[in-house]
């Protein structure tokens, strides 16, 4: 998907407007297909990341594309602001101070590996996002997490910790998916 500066700016404005709407109503802002070009009205999975003072303030989204891109951005933005369990809900007073970033995910693909060493070897740092599911344990890291964890062993260890899995565990029936992302943020 190729997004020009205008499309990126419009999606970022939509995220901010949806958060404002969500603060008042607890719902994402309504998004209509006729208000968006056909090139953007395609099903895509997104994550919205909020920062305040350069620190993470929330990040939510989905791996699977279930709705058109603008609708998914609107929903992810409100979920991030109001429903990230790691943080209290965003307040209206914080909204002007928030930085907003959007990640648009490519379709996920299965990672077929037999063990931890094979997984480490198969990852493409700074390209791959990774989603792990093992029973009731699940977590994902977007590709931009490589900026903080550039070593594959550290990336996986932190993802396992986020999922609540023991370090170096390789549970029976583990499912792994990789994806890439188009990332952009407010200037």
Protein backbone atom coordinates (compact mmCIF):
# COMPACT_ATOMS: atom_id res chain seq x y z
CA UNK A 1 0.00 0.00 0.00
CA UNK A 2 1.41 3.34 -1.03
CA UNK A 3 0.35 6.26 1.15
CA UNK A 4 1.18 9.80 0.15
CA UNK A 5 1.69 12.60 2.68
CA UNK A 6 -1.91 13.75 2.35
CA UNK A 7 -3.32 10.27 3.10
CA UNK A 8 -1.02 9.89 6.10
CA UNK A 9 -1.98 13.31 7.43
CA UNK A 10 -5.67 12.56 6.97
CA UNK A 11 -5.41 9.24 8.82
CA UNK A 12 -3.50 10.88 11.69
CA UNK A 13 -6.16 13.60 11.94
CA UNK A 14 -8.84 10.89 11.93
CA UNK A 15 -7.11 9.12 14.84
CA UNK A 16 -6.94 12.34 16.87
CA UNK A 17 -10.58 13.22 16.06
CA UNK A 18 -11.68 9.70 16.98
CA UNK A 19 -9.93 9.93 20.35
CA UNK A 20 -11.69 13.24 21.02
CA UNK A 21 -15.02 11.69 20.04
CA UNK A 22 -14.25 8.64 22.17
CA UNK A 23 -13.50 10.78 25.22
CA UNK A 24 -17.00 12.25 24.93
CA UNK A 25 -18.92 9.11 23.90
CA UNK A 26 -16.69 6.05 24.58
CA UNK A 27 -17.14 5.20 20.86
CA UNK A 28 -14.97 5.72 17.79
CA UNK A 29 -15.96 8.50 15.45
CA UNK A 30 -18.29 7.29 12.64
CA UNK A 31 -16.44 6.84 9.35
CA UNK A 32 -18.25 6.70 6.00
CA UNK A 33 -16.87 5.08 2.87
CA UNK A 34 -18.01 7.91 0.60
CA UNK A 35 -15.69 10.29 2.48
CA UNK A 36 -12.57 8.27 1.59
CA UNK A 37 -10.91 7.35 -1.70
CA UNK A 38 -11.35 3.76 -2.84
CA UNK A 39 -7.58 3.20 -2.54
CA UNK A 40 -7.87 3.71 1.24
CA UNK A 41 -11.22 1.97 1.70
CA UNK A 42 -9.65 -1.50 1.85
CA UNK A 43 -9.54 -3.91 4.78
CA UNK A 44 -6.32 -3.43 6.73
CA UNK A 45 -5.25 -4.15 10.28
CA UNK A 46 -3.83 -1.23 12.25
CA UNK A 47 -2.27 -0.29 15.54
CA UNK A 48 -2.32 3.20 17.01
CA UNK A 49 0.44 4.19 19.41
CA UNK A 50 0.14 7.16 21.76
CA UNK A 51 3.08 8.88 23.43
CA UNK A 52 3.25 11.71 25.92
CA UNK A 53 6.51 13.46 26.58
CA UNK A 54 8.28 10.85 24.47
CA UNK A 55 7.00 7.97 26.65
CA UNK A 56 4.53 5.27 25.67
CA UNK A 57 0.96 6.17 26.70
CA UNK A 58 -0.84 3.33 24.95
CA UNK A 59 -0.84 1.01 21.95
CA UNK A 60 -3.73 -1.11 20.71
CA UNK A 61 -4.86 -2.64 17.46
CA UNK A 62 -5.40 -5.91 15.72
CA UNK A 63 -3.45 -8.42 13.64
CA UNK A 64 -6.30 -9.41 11.29
CA UNK A 65 -7.88 -7.05 8.79
CA UNK A 66 -11.59 -6.98 9.58
CA UNK A 67 -12.73 -3.54 8.41
CA UNK A 68 -11.72 -0.75 6.02
CA UNK A 69 -8.51 1.11 6.90
CA UNK A 70 -10.11 4.41 8.07
CA UNK A 71 -12.61 2.56 10.28
CA UNK A 72 -9.84 0.45 11.77
CA UNK A 73 -7.75 3.54 12.54
CA UNK A 74 -10.74 5.17 14.26
CA UNK A 75 -11.40 2.06 16.38
CA UNK A 76 -7.74 1.44 17.22
CA UNK A 77 -7.28 5.07 18.29
CA UNK A 78 -10.16 4.93 20.78
CA UNK A 79 -9.13 1.50 22.07
CA UNK A 80 -5.61 2.82 22.64
CA UNK A 81 -6.81 5.92 24.47
CA UNK A 82 -9.44 4.24 26.62
CA UNK A 83 -8.73 0.51 26.84
CA UNK A 84 -5.00 -0.20 27.04
CA UNK A 85 -4.87 -2.19 30.31
CA UNK A 86 -1.34 -0.97 31.04
CA UNK A 87 -2.45 2.66 31.44
CA UNK A 88 -5.35 4.65 32.87
CA UNK A 89 -7.68 6.08 30.22
CA UNK A 90 -6.49 9.22 28.46
CA UNK A 91 -8.11 12.42 29.70
CA UNK A 92 -9.30 15.36 27.63
CA UNK A 93 -6.58 17.51 29.21
CA UNK A 94 -3.91 15.12 27.87
CA UNK A 95 -5.18 15.02 24.29
CA UNK A 96 -3.27 18.11 23.04
CA UNK A 97 -0.03 16.69 24.50
CA UNK A 98 -0.32 13.26 22.88
CA UNK A 99 1.81 12.14 19.96
CA UNK A 100 0.01 9.78 17.59
CA UNK A 101 1.59 7.11 15.40
CA UNK A 102 -0.15 4.63 13.11
CA UNK A 103 1.09 1.24 11.98
CA UNK A 104 -0.69 -0.36 9.02
CA UNK A 105 0.04 -4.08 8.96
CA UNK A 106 0.56 -6.35 6.00
CA UNK A 107 -1.33 -9.64 6.10
CA UNK A 108 0.29 -11.97 8.62
CA UNK A 109 2.00 -15.15 7.50
CA UNK A 110 2.70 -18.29 9.52
CA UNK A 111 6.25 -18.79 10.76
CA UNK A 112 7.03 -22.50 10.53
CA UNK A 113 9.98 -23.22 12.82
CA UNK A 114 10.73 -26.14 15.12
CA UNK A 115 12.42 -24.41 18.04
CA UNK A 116 13.71 -21.18 19.57
CA UNK A 117 17.02 -21.23 17.68
CA UNK A 118 15.23 -21.59 14.35
CA UNK A 119 12.91 -18.72 15.26
CA UNK A 120 15.84 -16.45 16.13
CA UNK A 121 17.50 -17.31 12.83
CA UNK A 122 14.33 -16.73 10.80
CA UNK A 123 13.51 -13.25 12.09
CA UNK A 124 14.32 -10.19 9.99
CA UNK A 125 15.25 -7.41 12.45
CA UNK A 126 13.60 -4.04 11.77
CA UNK A 127 11.23 -5.69 9.27
CA UNK A 128 9.22 -8.34 11.09
CA UNK A 129 6.49 -7.85 13.60
CA UNK A 130 5.82 -11.07 15.50
CA UNK A 131 2.62 -12.48 16.99
CA UNK A 132 2.79 -15.45 19.36
CA UNK A 133 -0.12 -17.58 20.57
CA UNK A 134 0.37 -20.48 22.99
CA UNK A 135 -2.84 -21.58 24.66
CA UNK A 136 -4.22 -18.56 26.50
CA UNK A 137 -0.91 -16.71 26.15
CA UNK A 138 -0.69 -14.17 23.33
CA UNK A 139 1.23 -11.05 22.49
CA UNK A 140 2.67 -9.14 19.58
CA UNK A 141 5.50 -6.73 18.93
CA UNK A 142 5.29 -4.33 16.01
CA UNK A 143 8.37 -4.06 13.76
CA UNK A 144 9.25 -0.71 15.33
CA UNK A 145 9.98 -2.49 18.65
CA UNK A 146 13.29 -3.54 17.03
CA UNK A 147 14.44 0.05 17.71
CA UNK A 148 14.48 -0.75 21.45
CA UNK A 149 15.35 -4.46 21.13
CA UNK A 150 17.65 -4.90 18.09
CA UNK A 151 18.91 -8.38 19.04
CA UNK A 152 16.57 -11.25 18.03
CA UNK A 153 17.15 -13.06 21.35
CA UNK A 154 16.17 -9.94 23.33
CA UNK A 155 13.19 -9.26 21.04
CA UNK A 156 11.85 -12.79 21.55
CA UNK A 157 12.57 -12.81 25.29
CA UNK A 158 10.64 -9.57 25.79
CA UNK A 159 7.77 -10.81 23.61
CA UNK A 160 7.60 -14.05 25.61
CA UNK A 161 7.52 -12.02 28.83
CA UNK A 162 4.73 -9.83 27.45
CA UNK A 163 2.76 -13.00 26.58
CA UNK A 164 3.33 -14.42 30.06
CA UNK A 165 5.42 -17.33 28.79
CA UNK A 166 8.45 -18.65 30.67
CA UNK A 167 11.79 -17.62 29.11
CA UNK A 168 12.95 -20.04 26.40
CA UNK A 169 9.63 -21.93 26.58
CA UNK A 170 8.51 -23.68 23.41
CA UNK A 171 4.93 -24.75 24.24
CA UNK A 172 3.20 -27.52 22.35
CA UNK A 173 0.95 -26.05 19.65
CA UNK A 174 2.69 -22.66 19.62
CA UNK A 175 1.57 -20.48 16.71
CA UNK A 176 3.77 -17.73 15.31
CA UNK A 177 2.92 -15.16 12.66
CA UNK A 178 5.06 -12.44 11.13
CA UNK A 179 3.98 -9.24 9.42
CA UNK A 180 5.46 -5.96 8.23
CA UNK A 181 4.09 -2.49 8.87
CA UNK A 182 3.90 0.93 7.31
CA UNK A 183 4.62 3.32 10.17
CA UNK A 184 4.02 7.06 10.29
CA UNK A 185 3.52 9.63 13.00
CA UNK A 186 2.63 13.24 13.59
CA UNK A 187 5.51 15.60 12.93
